[in-house]
Amino acid sequence: MRDDGGAEQPHASVVVPVRNAATVIPYQLEALRVQTVRNDLEVLIVDDASTDNTAEVVDKWIAHDGSGHFRLIRRPARGGPNAARNTGVAAARSDFLLFCDGDDIVDDGWSDALLAGRAEGVILWGTMRTLTTETPPRTSPPLPKARGTRAAYGGNMAISRSIIERVDGFDENILAGGSEHDFVLRAERDAGATVTAVPTAVVHYRAPTSPWGRLAWQFRKERGRSYMRRKFGPDVFGSRLRSTAATWARLLILTPRAFADPAARLRVADLVGRLLGRSYWSFVPRPLLVNPARRRRRQR
């Protein structure tokens, strides 16, 4: 199959948003390299205006090992992972798109599993597993939900271009937290899409390993969740009152254990970050939740 420009169209396109991941991006590129040849993939690494040398590292790797299957796209200004995904989709040559993140690592059979599940009108979602020395590593739930709808994770999903176009892409107002939930809610509502789990499509993701890092991580993610509540209604992630009460209950149970158990300390940091973020971002005026780059485009 050829695209409009006469070049051979790849079987699928892999979109990889990345920012400030110079030390770890080569691991993801290596994990994808063999799969690109085996499954006729193109890989688009979208650098979201990194302030380190991520783009240079990727450029050098492509020149040495890319074998014509990898392309680097540089965004001039930071827009967040959703903006980077939209940039990658616009540049992709295939009508079937796979998504993973630059600071994660896909399993060897990742793309094989997603390609095998390819179907029109379906969003495929794989398994997320932490890159950790803990045994066993933390694994994402089989199918996360938002507003009663099966969701997916932006770092491990596959979608046909027709669905993306019908919902006008990923919402660039969301910098972190809830991006995939937002997309799936709109895809179900506006495109009649459904979500199917592909458990054998495994991605290993990097989570902060210090309590302070976990707290800050969850705090930032609550920004997107607060935006989602304003966009879809207060109960988009279930009753906020019940959710907050459950979070406090878990925090009270885990706190005594945190003094002696490192895993409990991380979980406490997660919970505190969520509670602080939920309180803070809920009272921030709506314009501050909007991606500044997106706001500038709207004002033109």
C-alpha atoms as a PDB file:
ATOM      1  CA  MET A   1       0.000   0.000   0.000  1.00  0.00           C
ATOM      2  CA  ARG A   2       1.205   3.485  -0.890  1.00  0.00           C
ATOM      3  CA  ASP A   3       0.321   6.832   0.650  1.00  0.00           C
ATOM      4  CA  ASP A   4      -0.633   9.919  -1.360  1.00  0.00           C
ATOM      5  CA  GLY A   5       2.998  10.847  -1.814  1.00  0.00           C
ATOM      6  CA  GLY A   6       3.794   7.574  -3.543  1.00  0.00           C
ATOM      7  CA  ALA A   7       5.839   6.136  -0.670  1.00  0.00           C
ATOM      8  CA  GLU A   8       5.096   2.787   0.890  1.00  0.00           C
ATOM      9  CA  GLN A   9       2.624   3.246   3.713  1.00  0.00           C
ATOM     10  CA  PRO A  10       3.624   1.520   6.971  1.00  0.00           C
ATOM     11  CA  HIS A  11       1.363  -1.105   8.477  1.00  0.00           C
ATOM     12  CA  ALA A  12       0.981   1.112  11.562  1.00  0.00           C
ATOM     13  CA  SER A  13       2.444   4.275  13.065  1.00  0.00           C
ATOM     14  CA  VAL A  14       3.784   4.482  16.616  1.00  0.00           C
ATOM     15  CA  VAL A  15       3.567   7.924  18.251  1.00  0.00           C
ATOM     16  CA  VAL A  16       6.015   8.482  21.114  1.00  0.00           C
ATOM     17  CA  PRO A  17       5.733  11.800  23.003  1.00  0.00           C
ATOM     18  CA  VAL A  18       8.802  12.618  25.071  1.00  0.00           C
ATOM     19  CA  ARG A  19      10.188  15.471  27.157  1.00  0.00           C
ATOM     20  CA  ASN A  20      13.452  15.687  29.099  1.00  0.00           C
ATOM     21  CA  ALA A  21      14.199  11.965  28.924  1.00  0.00           C
ATOM     22  CA  ALA A  22      17.682  11.966  27.423  1.00  0.00           C
ATOM     23  CA  THR A  23      19.015   9.300  29.774  1.00  0.00           C
ATOM     24  CA  VAL A  24      16.172   6.812  29.257  1.00  0.00           C
ATOM     25  CA  ILE A  25      14.771   7.335  25.736  1.00  0.00           C
ATOM     26  CA  PRO A  26      17.353   4.979  24.147  1.00  0.00           C
ATOM     27  CA  TYR A  27      15.839   2.042  26.080  1.00  0.00           C
ATOM     28  CA  GLN A  28      12.438   2.668  24.494  1.00  0.00           C
ATOM     29  CA  LEU A  29      13.945   3.099  21.042  1.00  0.00           C
ATOM     30  CA  GLU A  30      15.809  -0.176  21.361  1.00  0.00           C
ATOM     31  CA  ALA A  31      12.679  -1.942  22.562  1.00  0.00           C
ATOM     32  CA  LEU A  32      10.817  -0.723  19.478  1.00  0.00           C
ATOM     33  CA  ARG A  33      13.593  -1.294  16.955  1.00  0.00           C
ATOM     34  CA  VAL A  34      13.113  -5.014  16.272  1.00  0.00           C
ATOM     35  CA  GLN A  35       9.331  -4.649  16.202  1.00  0.00           C
ATOM     36  CA  THR A  36       9.469  -1.944  13.528  1.00  0.00           C
ATOM     37  CA  VAL A  37      11.072  -4.315  11.048  1.00  0.00           C
ATOM     38  CA  ARG A  38       8.993  -7.335  12.023  1.00  0.00           C
ATOM     39  CA  ASN A  39       5.663  -5.490  11.832  1.00  0.00           C
ATOM     40  CA  ASP A  40       6.441  -2.785   9.244  1.00  0.00           C
ATOM     41  CA  LEU A  41       6.034   0.138  11.639  1.00  0.00           C
ATOM     42  CA  GLU A  42       7.071   3.743  11.507  1.00  0.00           C
ATOM     43  CA  VAL A  43       7.949   5.378  14.822  1.00  0.00           C
ATOM     44  CA  LEU A  44       7.476   9.108  15.341  1.00  0.00           C
ATOM     45  CA  ILE A  45       9.275  10.488  18.380  1.00  0.00           C
ATOM     46  CA  VAL A  46       7.747  13.861  19.219  1.00  0.00           C
ATOM     47  CA  ASP A  47      10.052  15.944  21.384  1.00  0.00           C
ATOM     48  CA  ASP A  48       7.898  18.336  23.408  1.00  0.00           C
ATOM     49  CA  ALA A  49      10.422  21.203  23.571  1.00  0.00           C
ATOM     50  CA  SER A  50      12.806  19.392  25.923  1.00  0.00           C
ATOM     51  CA  THR A  51      15.210  21.561  27.878  1.00  0.00           C
ATOM     52  CA  ASP A  52      17.841  18.811  28.041  1.00  0.00           C
ATOM     53  CA  ASN A  53      19.508  17.075  25.077  1.00  0.00           C
ATOM     54  CA  THR A  54      16.723  14.568  24.422  1.00  0.00           C
ATOM     55  CA  ALA A  55      16.331  15.635  20.783  1.00  0.00           C
ATOM     56  CA  GLU A  56      20.068  15.323  20.144  1.00  0.00           C
ATOM     57  CA  VAL A  57      20.175  11.860  21.731  1.00  0.00           C
ATOM     58  CA  VAL A  58      17.261  10.698  19.579  1.00  0.00           C
ATOM     59  CA  ASP A  59      18.702  12.253  16.434  1.00  0.00           C
ATOM     60  CA  LYS A  60      22.019  10.492  16.984  1.00  0.00           C
ATOM     61  CA  TRP A  61      20.321   7.159  17.720  1.00  0.00           C
ATOM     62  CA  ILE A  62      18.192   7.389  14.569  1.00  0.00           C
ATOM     63  CA  ALA A  63      21.240   8.136  12.430  1.00  0.00           C
ATOM     64  CA  HIS A  64      22.967   5.033  13.768  1.00  0.00           C
ATOM     65  CA  ASP A  65      20.131   2.536  14.386  1.00  0.00           C
ATOM     66  CA  GLY A  66      16.908   3.943  12.955  1.00  0.00           C
ATOM     67  CA  SER A  67      17.006   1.972   9.681  1.00  0.00           C
ATOM     68  CA  GLY A  68      14.561   4.382   8.072  1.00  0.00           C
ATOM     69  CA  HIS A  69      11.717   3.450  10.422  1.00  0.00           C
ATOM     70  CA  PHE A  70      12.170   6.271  12.975  1.00  0.00           C
ATOM     71  CA  ARG A  71      11.513   9.996  12.650  1.00  0.00           C
ATOM     72  CA  LEU A  72      12.115  12.816  15.125  1.00  0.00           C
ATOM     73  CA  ILE A  73       9.669  15.709  15.287  1.00  0.00           C
ATOM     74  CA  ARG A  74      10.590  18.727  17.395  1.00  0.00           C
ATOM     75  CA  ARG A  75       7.889  20.931  18.861  1.00  0.00           C
ATOM     76  CA  PRO A  76       9.024  24.565  19.236  1.00  0.00           C
ATOM     77  CA  ALA A  77       7.050  25.111  22.459  1.00  0.00           C
ATOM     78  CA  ARG A  78       5.944  22.807  25.235  1.00  0.00           C
ATOM     79  CA  GLY A  79       2.333  21.709  24.933  1.00  0.00           C
ATOM     80  CA  GLY A  80       2.138  18.559  27.067  1.00  0.00           C
ATOM     81  CA  PRO A  81       1.782  14.904  26.031  1.00  0.00           C
ATOM     82  CA  ASN A  82      -1.614  15.404  24.392  1.00  0.00           C
ATOM     83  CA  ALA A  83      -0.272  18.155  22.155  1.00  0.00           C
ATOM     84  CA  ALA A  84       2.685  15.931  21.276  1.00  0.00           C
ATOM     85  CA  ARG A  85       0.311  13.073  20.433  1.00  0.00           C
ATOM     86  CA  ASN A  86      -1.685  15.328  18.127  1.00  0.00           C
ATOM     87  CA  THR A  87       1.520  16.449  16.424  1.00  0.00           C
ATOM     88  CA  GLY A  88       2.525  12.824  15.890  1.00  0.00           C
ATOM     89  CA  VAL A  89      -0.894  11.856  14.533  1.00  0.00           C
ATOM     90  CA  ALA A  90      -0.765  14.705  12.020  1.00  0.00           C
ATOM     91  CA  ALA A  91       2.620  13.506  10.745  1.00  0.00           C
ATOM     92  CA  ALA A  92       1.826   9.773  10.739  1.00  0.00           C
ATOM     93  CA  ARG A  93       1.406   7.996   7.398  1.00  0.00           C
ATOM     94  CA  SER A  94      -0.709   5.064   8.619  1.00  0.00           C
ATOM     95  CA  ASP A  95      -4.405   4.974   9.467  1.00  0.00           C
ATOM     96  CA  PHE A  96      -3.738   2.831  12.553  1.00  0.00           C
ATOM     97  CA  LEU A  97      -1.845   4.447  15.407  1.00  0.00           C
ATOM     98  CA  LEU A  98      -0.139   2.977  18.459  1.00  0.00           C
ATOM     99  CA  PHE A  99       0.835   5.150  21.428  1.00  0.00           C
ATOM    100  CA  CYS A 100       3.557   4.734  24.044  1.00  0.00           C
ATOM    101  CA  ASP A 101       5.738   7.183  25.981  1.00  0.00           C
ATOM    102  CA  GLY A 102       9.413   7.942  25.576  1.00  0.00           C
ATOM    103  CA  ASP A 103      10.372   7.285  29.192  1.00  0.00           C
ATOM    104  CA  ASP A 104       8.753   3.814  29.280  1.00  0.00           C
ATOM    105  CA  ILE A 105       9.726   0.458  27.780  1.00  0.00           C
ATOM    106  CA  VAL A 106       7.462  -1.723  25.641  1.00  0.00           C
ATOM    107  CA  ASP A 107       7.618  -5.514  25.800  1.00  0.00           C
ATOM    108  CA  ASP A 108       8.910  -7.368  22.756  1.00  0.00           C
ATOM    109  CA  GLY A 109       5.424  -8.509  21.702  1.00  0.00           C
ATOM    110  CA  TRP A 110       3.719  -5.200  22.430  1.00  0.00           C
ATOM    111  CA  SER A 111       2.953  -4.111  18.882  1.00  0.00           C
ATOM    112  CA  ASP A 112       2.164  -7.698  17.788  1.00  0.00           C
ATOM    113  CA  ALA A 113      -0.608  -7.900  20.398  1.00  0.00           C
ATOM    114  CA  LEU A 114      -2.125  -4.538  19.486  1.00  0.00           C
ATOM    115  CA  LEU A 115      -1.987  -5.221  15.754  1.00  0.00           C
ATOM    116  CA  ALA A 116      -3.703  -8.567  16.276  1.00  0.00           C
ATOM    117  CA  GLY A 117      -6.586  -6.791  18.020  1.00  0.00           C
ATOM    118  CA  ARG A 118      -7.012  -4.124  15.360  1.00  0.00           C
ATOM    119  CA  ALA A 119     -10.672  -3.411  14.587  1.00  0.00           C
ATOM    120  CA  GLU A 120     -12.653  -0.433  13.325  1.00  0.00           C
ATOM    121  CA  GLY A 121     -14.394   1.530  16.053  1.00  0.00           C
ATOM    122  CA  VAL A 122     -12.335  -0.038  18.848  1.00  0.00           C
ATOM    123  CA  ILE A 123      -9.770   1.538  21.184  1.00  0.00           C
ATOM    124  CA  LEU A 124      -7.222  -1.023  22.313  1.00  0.00           C
ATOM    125  CA  TRP A 125      -5.605  -0.741  25.731  1.00  0.00           C
ATOM    126  CA  GLY A 126      -2.735  -2.817  27.114  1.00  0.00           C
ATOM    127  CA  THR A 127      -1.237  -3.620  30.508  1.00  0.00           C
ATOM    128  CA  MET A 128       0.827  -1.044  32.416  1.00  0.00           C
ATOM    129  CA  ARG A 129       3.462  -2.435  34.753  1.00  0.00           C
ATOM    130  CA  THR A 130       5.941  -0.464  36.847  1.00  0.00           C
ATOM    131  CA  LEU A 131       9.650  -0.605  36.192  1.00  0.00           C
ATOM    132  CA  THR A 132      10.620  -1.573  39.710  1.00  0.00           C
ATOM    133  CA  THR A 133      12.710  -3.983  41.695  1.00  0.00           C
ATOM    134  CA  GLU A 134       9.681  -4.826  43.817  1.00  0.00           C
ATOM    135  CA  THR A 135       8.215  -8.316  43.440  1.00  0.00           C
ATOM    136  CA  PRO A 136       5.710  -8.407  41.938  1.00  0.00           C
ATOM    137  CA  PRO A 137       5.746  -5.047  40.132  1.00  0.00           C
ATOM    138  CA  ARG A 138       2.630  -2.933  40.420  1.00  0.00           C
ATOM    139  CA  THR A 139       0.233  -3.609  37.529  1.00  0.00           C
ATOM    140  CA  SER A 140      -2.602  -1.412  36.336  1.00  0.00           C
ATOM    141  CA  PRO A 141      -6.185  -2.642  36.783  1.00  0.00           C
ATOM    142  CA  PRO A 142      -7.638  -4.661  33.883  1.00  0.00           C
ATOM    143  CA  LEU A 143      -9.865  -1.829  32.677  1.00  0.00           C
ATOM    144  CA  PRO A 144      -9.835   1.570  34.390  1.00  0.00           C
ATOM    145  CA  LYS A 145     -13.152   3.413  34.387  1.00  0.00           C
ATOM    146  CA  ALA A 146     -14.360   7.000  34.322  1.00  0.00           C
ATOM    147  CA  ARG A 147     -18.018   7.969  34.475  1.00  0.00           C
ATOM    148  CA  GLY A 148     -18.886   4.296  34.129  1.00  0.00           C
ATOM    149  CA  THR A 149     -16.980   4.071  30.843  1.00  0.00           C
ATOM    150  CA  ARG A 150     -14.055   1.781  30.188  1.00  0.00           C
ATOM    151  CA  ALA A 151     -10.993   3.952  29.765  1.00  0.00           C
ATOM    152  CA  ALA A 152      -7.449   3.432  28.550  1.00  0.00           C
ATOM    153  CA  TYR A 153      -3.979   4.781  29.270  1.00  0.00           C
ATOM    154  CA  GLY A 154      -2.339   7.154  26.796  1.00  0.00           C
ATOM    155  CA  GLY A 155       0.997   5.408  27.264  1.00  0.00           C
ATOM    156  CA  ASN A 156      -0.331   2.087  25.949  1.00  0.00           C
ATOM    157  CA  MET A 157      -3.175   2.291  23.466  1.00  0.00           C
ATOM    158  CA  ALA A 158      -3.995   1.826  19.777  1.00  0.00           C
ATOM    159  CA  ILE A 159      -6.665   3.628  17.745  1.00  0.00           C
ATOM    160  CA  SER A 160      -7.747   4.027  14.146  1.00  0.00           C
ATOM    161  CA  ARG A 161      -7.285   7.468  12.633  1.00  0.00           C
ATOM    162  CA  SER A 162     -11.015   7.707  11.914  1.00  0.00           C
ATOM    163  CA  ILE A 163     -11.830   7.753  15.643  1.00  0.00           C
ATOM    164  CA  ILE A 164      -9.180  10.386  16.373  1.00  0.00           C
ATOM    165  CA  GLU A 165     -10.461  12.638  13.615  1.00  0.00           C
ATOM    166  CA  ARG A 166     -14.092  12.316  14.672  1.00  0.00           C
ATOM    167  CA  VAL A 167     -13.308  13.597  18.175  1.00  0.00           C
ATOM    168  CA  ASP A 168     -10.826  16.252  17.012  1.00  0.00           C
ATOM    169  CA  GLY A 169      -7.821  14.597  18.620  1.00  0.00           C
ATOM    170  CA  PHE A 170      -6.587  14.706  22.195  1.00  0.00           C
ATOM    171  CA  ASP A 171      -7.586  17.634  24.423  1.00  0.00           C
ATOM    172  CA  GLU A 172      -4.479  19.789  24.750  1.00  0.00           C
ATOM    173  CA  ASN A 173      -5.893  21.592  27.782  1.00  0.00           C
ATOM    174  CA  ILE A 174      -4.946  18.560  29.870  1.00  0.00           C
ATOM    175  CA  LEU A 175      -1.266  18.630  30.765  1.00  0.00           C
ATOM    176  CA  ALA A 176      -1.398  15.589  33.067  1.00  0.00           C
ATOM    177  CA  GLY A 177      -4.009  13.370  34.643  1.00  0.00           C
ATOM    178  CA  GLY A 178      -7.128  12.216  32.849  1.00  0.00           C
ATOM    179  CA  SER A 179      -5.986  12.672  29.233  1.00  0.00           C
ATOM    180  CA  GLU A 180      -6.909   9.137  28.185  1.00  0.00           C
ATOM    181  CA  HIS A 181     -10.171   9.229  30.139  1.00  0.00           C
ATOM    182  CA  ASP A 182     -11.159  12.417  28.357  1.00  0.00           C
ATOM    183  CA  PHE A 183     -10.382  10.923  24.947  1.00  0.00           C
ATOM    184  CA  VAL A 184     -12.328   7.729  25.588  1.00  0.00           C
ATOM    185  CA  LEU A 185     -15.354   9.557  26.972  1.00  0.00           C
ATOM    186  CA  ARG A 186     -15.529  11.713  23.858  1.00  0.00           C
ATOM    187  CA  ALA A 187     -14.825   8.773  21.531  1.00  0.00           C
ATOM    188  CA  GLU A 188     -17.648   6.786  23.057  1.00  0.00           C
ATOM    189  CA  ARG A 189     -20.038   9.736  22.970  1.00  0.00           C
ATOM    190  CA  ASP A 190     -19.170  11.190  19.547  1.00  0.00           C
ATOM    191  CA  ALA A 191     -17.783   8.248  17.573  1.00  0.00           C
ATOM    192  CA  GLY A 192     -19.536   5.244  19.108  1.00  0.00           C
ATOM    193  CA  ALA A 193     -16.169   3.731  20.013  1.00  0.00           C
ATOM    194  CA  THR A 194     -15.643   0.906  22.486  1.00  0.00           C
ATOM    195  CA  VAL A 195     -12.603  -0.070  24.543  1.00  0.00           C
ATOM    196  CA  THR A 196     -11.064  -3.530  24.507  1.00  0.00           C
ATOM    197  CA  ALA A 197      -8.284  -4.720  26.803  1.00  0.00           C
ATOM    198  CA  VAL A 198      -5.254  -6.448  25.291  1.00  0.00           C
ATOM    199  CA  PRO A 199      -3.503  -7.884  28.385  1.00  0.00           C
ATOM    200  CA  THR A 200      -0.505  -9.202  26.437  1.00  0.00           C
ATOM    201  CA  ALA A 201       0.408  -5.720  25.169  1.00  0.00           C
ATOM    202  CA  VAL A 202       2.656  -4.780  28.099  1.00  0.00           C
ATOM    203  CA  VAL A 203       4.379  -1.457  28.734  1.00  0.00           C
ATOM    204  CA  HIS A 204       6.716  -0.925  31.684  1.00  0.00           C
ATOM    205  CA  TYR A 205       6.378   2.639  32.991  1.00  0.00           C
ATOM    206  CA  ARG A 206       8.570   4.741  35.248  1.00  0.00           C
ATOM    207  CA  ALA A 207       6.970   6.048  38.417  1.00  0.00           C
ATOM    208  CA  PRO A 208       8.813   8.332  40.865  1.00  0.00           C
ATOM    209  CA  THR A 209      10.646   6.280  43.474  1.00  0.00           C
ATOM    210  CA  SER A 210      10.862   8.825  46.315  1.00  0.00           C
ATOM    211  CA  PRO A 211       7.959   9.858  48.557  1.00  0.00           C
ATOM    212  CA  TRP A 212       8.361  13.518  47.584  1.00  0.00           C
ATOM    213  CA  GLY A 213       8.470  12.609  43.891  1.00  0.00           C
ATOM    214  CA  ARG A 214       5.292  10.543  44.212  1.00  0.00           C
ATOM    215  CA  LEU A 215       3.504  13.311  46.106  1.00  0.00           C
ATOM    216  CA  ALA A 216       4.405  15.899  43.437  1.00  0.00           C
ATOM    217  CA  TRP A 217       3.460  13.457  40.657  1.00  0.00           C
ATOM    218  CA  GLN A 218      -0.027  12.875  42.036  1.00  0.00           C
ATOM    219  CA  PHE A 219      -0.456  16.586  42.802  1.00  0.00           C
ATOM    220  CA  ARG A 220       0.193  17.453  39.131  1.00  0.00           C
ATOM    221  CA  LYS A 221      -2.132  14.707  37.889  1.00  0.00           C
ATOM    222  CA  GLU A 222      -4.997  16.087  39.977  1.00  0.00           C
ATOM    223  CA  ARG A 223      -4.817  19.219  37.819  1.00  0.00           C
ATOM    224  CA  GLY A 224      -6.110  17.250  34.840  1.00  0.00           C
ATOM    225  CA  ARG A 225      -8.677  15.394  36.916  1.00  0.00           C
ATOM    226  CA  SER A 226     -10.060  18.703  38.218  1.00  0.00           C
ATOM    227  CA  TYR A 227     -10.331  19.967  34.646  1.00  0.00           C
ATOM    228  CA  MET A 228     -12.163  16.751  33.744  1.00  0.00           C
ATOM    229  CA  ARG A 229     -14.667  17.246  36.562  1.00  0.00           C
ATOM    230  CA  ARG A 230     -15.435  20.728  35.275  1.00  0.00           C
ATOM    231  CA  LYS A 231     -15.737  19.491  31.717  1.00  0.00           C
ATOM    232  CA  PHE A 232     -17.877  16.383  32.261  1.00  0.00           C
ATOM    233  CA  GLY A 233     -19.366  16.900  35.718  1.00  0.00           C
ATOM    234  CA  PRO A 234     -18.199  16.452  39.316  1.00  0.00           C
ATOM    235  CA  ASP A 235     -18.695  12.681  39.384  1.00  0.00           C
ATOM    236  CA  VAL A 236     -16.652  11.841  36.281  1.00  0.00           C
ATOM    237  CA  PHE A 237     -14.340   9.653  38.406  1.00  0.00           C
ATOM    238  CA  GLY A 238     -17.146   8.517  40.699  1.00  0.00           C
ATOM    239  CA  SER A 239     -18.647  10.449  43.582  1.00  0.00           C
ATOM    240  CA  ARG A 240     -16.074  12.960  44.758  1.00  0.00           C
ATOM    241  CA  LEU A 241     -17.321  12.800  48.321  1.00  0.00           C
ATOM    242  CA  ARG A 242     -17.039   9.000  48.461  1.00  0.00           C
ATOM    243  CA  SER A 243     -13.668   9.091  46.706  1.00  0.00           C
ATOM    244  CA  THR A 244     -12.250  11.662  49.125  1.00  0.00           C
ATOM    245  CA  ALA A 245     -13.599   9.765  52.135  1.00  0.00           C
ATOM    246  CA  ALA A 246     -12.058   6.537  50.846  1.00  0.00           C
ATOM    247  CA  THR A 247      -8.719   8.284  50.266  1.00  0.00           C
ATOM    248  CA  TRP A 248      -8.696   9.615  53.837  1.00  0.00           C
ATOM    249  CA  ALA A 249      -9.580   6.177  55.174  1.00  0.00           C
ATOM    250  CA  ARG A 250      -6.706   4.531  53.278  1.00  0.00           C
ATOM    251  CA  LEU A 251      -4.362   7.280  54.455  1.00  0.00           C
ATOM    252  CA  LEU A 252      -5.262   6.733  58.117  1.00  0.00           C
ATOM    253  CA  ILE A 253      -4.729   2.986  57.766  1.00  0.00           C
ATOM    254  CA  LEU A 254      -1.401   3.233  55.936  1.00  0.00           C
ATOM    255  CA  THR A 255       0.255   6.065  57.862  1.00  0.00           C
ATOM    256  CA  PRO A 256       1.318   3.985  60.909  1.00  0.00           C
ATOM    257  CA  ARG A 257       2.889   1.397  58.590  1.00  0.00           C
ATOM    258  CA  ALA A 258       4.778   4.079  56.647  1.00  0.00           C
ATOM    259  CA  PHE A 259       7.333   4.549  59.435  1.00  0.00           C
ATOM    260  CA  ALA A 260       8.752   1.081  58.837  1.00  0.00           C
ATOM    261  CA  ASP A 261       7.562   0.098  55.352  1.00  0.00           C
ATOM    262  CA  PRO A 262       9.034   1.929  52.298  1.00  0.00           C
ATOM    263  CA  ALA A 263       6.194   0.707  50.054  1.00  0.00           C
ATOM    264  CA  ALA A 264       3.638   2.113  52.499  1.00  0.00           C
ATOM    265  CA  ARG A 265       5.502   5.452  52.517  1.00  0.00           C
ATOM    266  CA  LEU A 266       5.163   5.678  48.737  1.00  0.00           C
ATOM    267  CA  ARG A 267       1.471   4.862  48.931  1.00  0.00           C
ATOM    268  CA  VAL A 268       0.955   7.501  51.635  1.00  0.00           C
ATOM    269  CA  ALA A 269       2.741  10.036  49.420  1.00  0.00           C
ATOM    270  CA  ASP A 270       0.381   9.114  46.560  1.00  0.00           C
ATOM    271  CA  LEU A 271      -2.660   9.678  48.737  1.00  0.00           C
ATOM    272  CA  VAL A 272      -1.411  12.964  50.218  1.00  0.00           C
ATOM    273  CA  GLY A 273      -0.576  14.243  46.723  1.00  0.00           C
ATOM    274  CA  ARG A 274      -4.079  13.410  45.530  1.00  0.00           C
ATOM    275  CA  LEU A 275      -5.749  15.125  48.480  1.00  0.00           C
ATOM    276  CA  LEU A 276      -3.601  18.252  48.199  1.00  0.00           C
ATOM    277  CA  GLY A 277      -4.032  18.433  44.435  1.00  0.00           C
ATOM    278  CA  ARG A 278      -7.767  17.866  44.646  1.00  0.00           C
ATOM    279  CA  SER A 279      -8.114  20.712  47.160  1.00  0.00           C
ATOM    280  CA  TYR A 280      -5.796  23.104  45.316  1.00  0.00           C
ATOM    281  CA  TRP A 281      -6.809  22.625  41.677  1.00  0.00           C
ATOM    282  CA  SER A 282     -10.504  22.583  42.481  1.00  0.00           C
ATOM    283  CA  PHE A 283     -10.306  26.243  43.533  1.00  0.00           C
ATOM    284  CA  VAL A 284      -7.976  27.485  40.789  1.00  0.00           C
ATOM    285  CA  PRO A 285      -9.851  29.699  38.292  1.00  0.00           C
ATOM    286  CA  ARG A 286     -10.697  27.792  35.123  1.00  0.00           C
ATOM    287  CA  PRO A 287      -8.310  29.741  32.781  1.00  0.00           C
ATOM    288  CA  LEU A 288      -5.325  28.559  34.819  1.00  0.00           C
ATOM    289  CA  LEU A 289      -6.222  24.977  33.976  1.00  0.00           C
ATOM    290  CA  VAL A 290      -5.838  25.671  30.277  1.00  0.00           C
ATOM    291  CA  ASN A 291      -2.594  24.919  28.485  1.00  0.00           C
ATOM    292  CA  PRO A 292      -1.015  28.366  27.825  1.00  0.00           C
ATOM    293  CA  ALA A 293       0.031  27.341  24.303  1.00  0.00           C
ATOM    294  CA  ARG A 294      -3.528  26.269  23.492  1.00  0.00           C
ATOM    295  CA  ARG A 295      -4.865  29.536  24.945  1.00  0.00           C
ATOM    296  CA  ARG A 296      -2.532  31.574  22.721  1.00  0.00           C
ATOM    297  CA  ARG A 297      -3.762  29.742  19.613  1.00  0.00           C
ATOM    298  CA  ARG A 298      -7.396  30.448  20.563  1.00  0.00           C
ATOM    299  CA  GLN A 299      -6.641  34.155  20.926  1.00  0.00           C
ATOM    300  CA  ARG A 300      -5.239  34.472  17.405  1.00  0.00           C
END
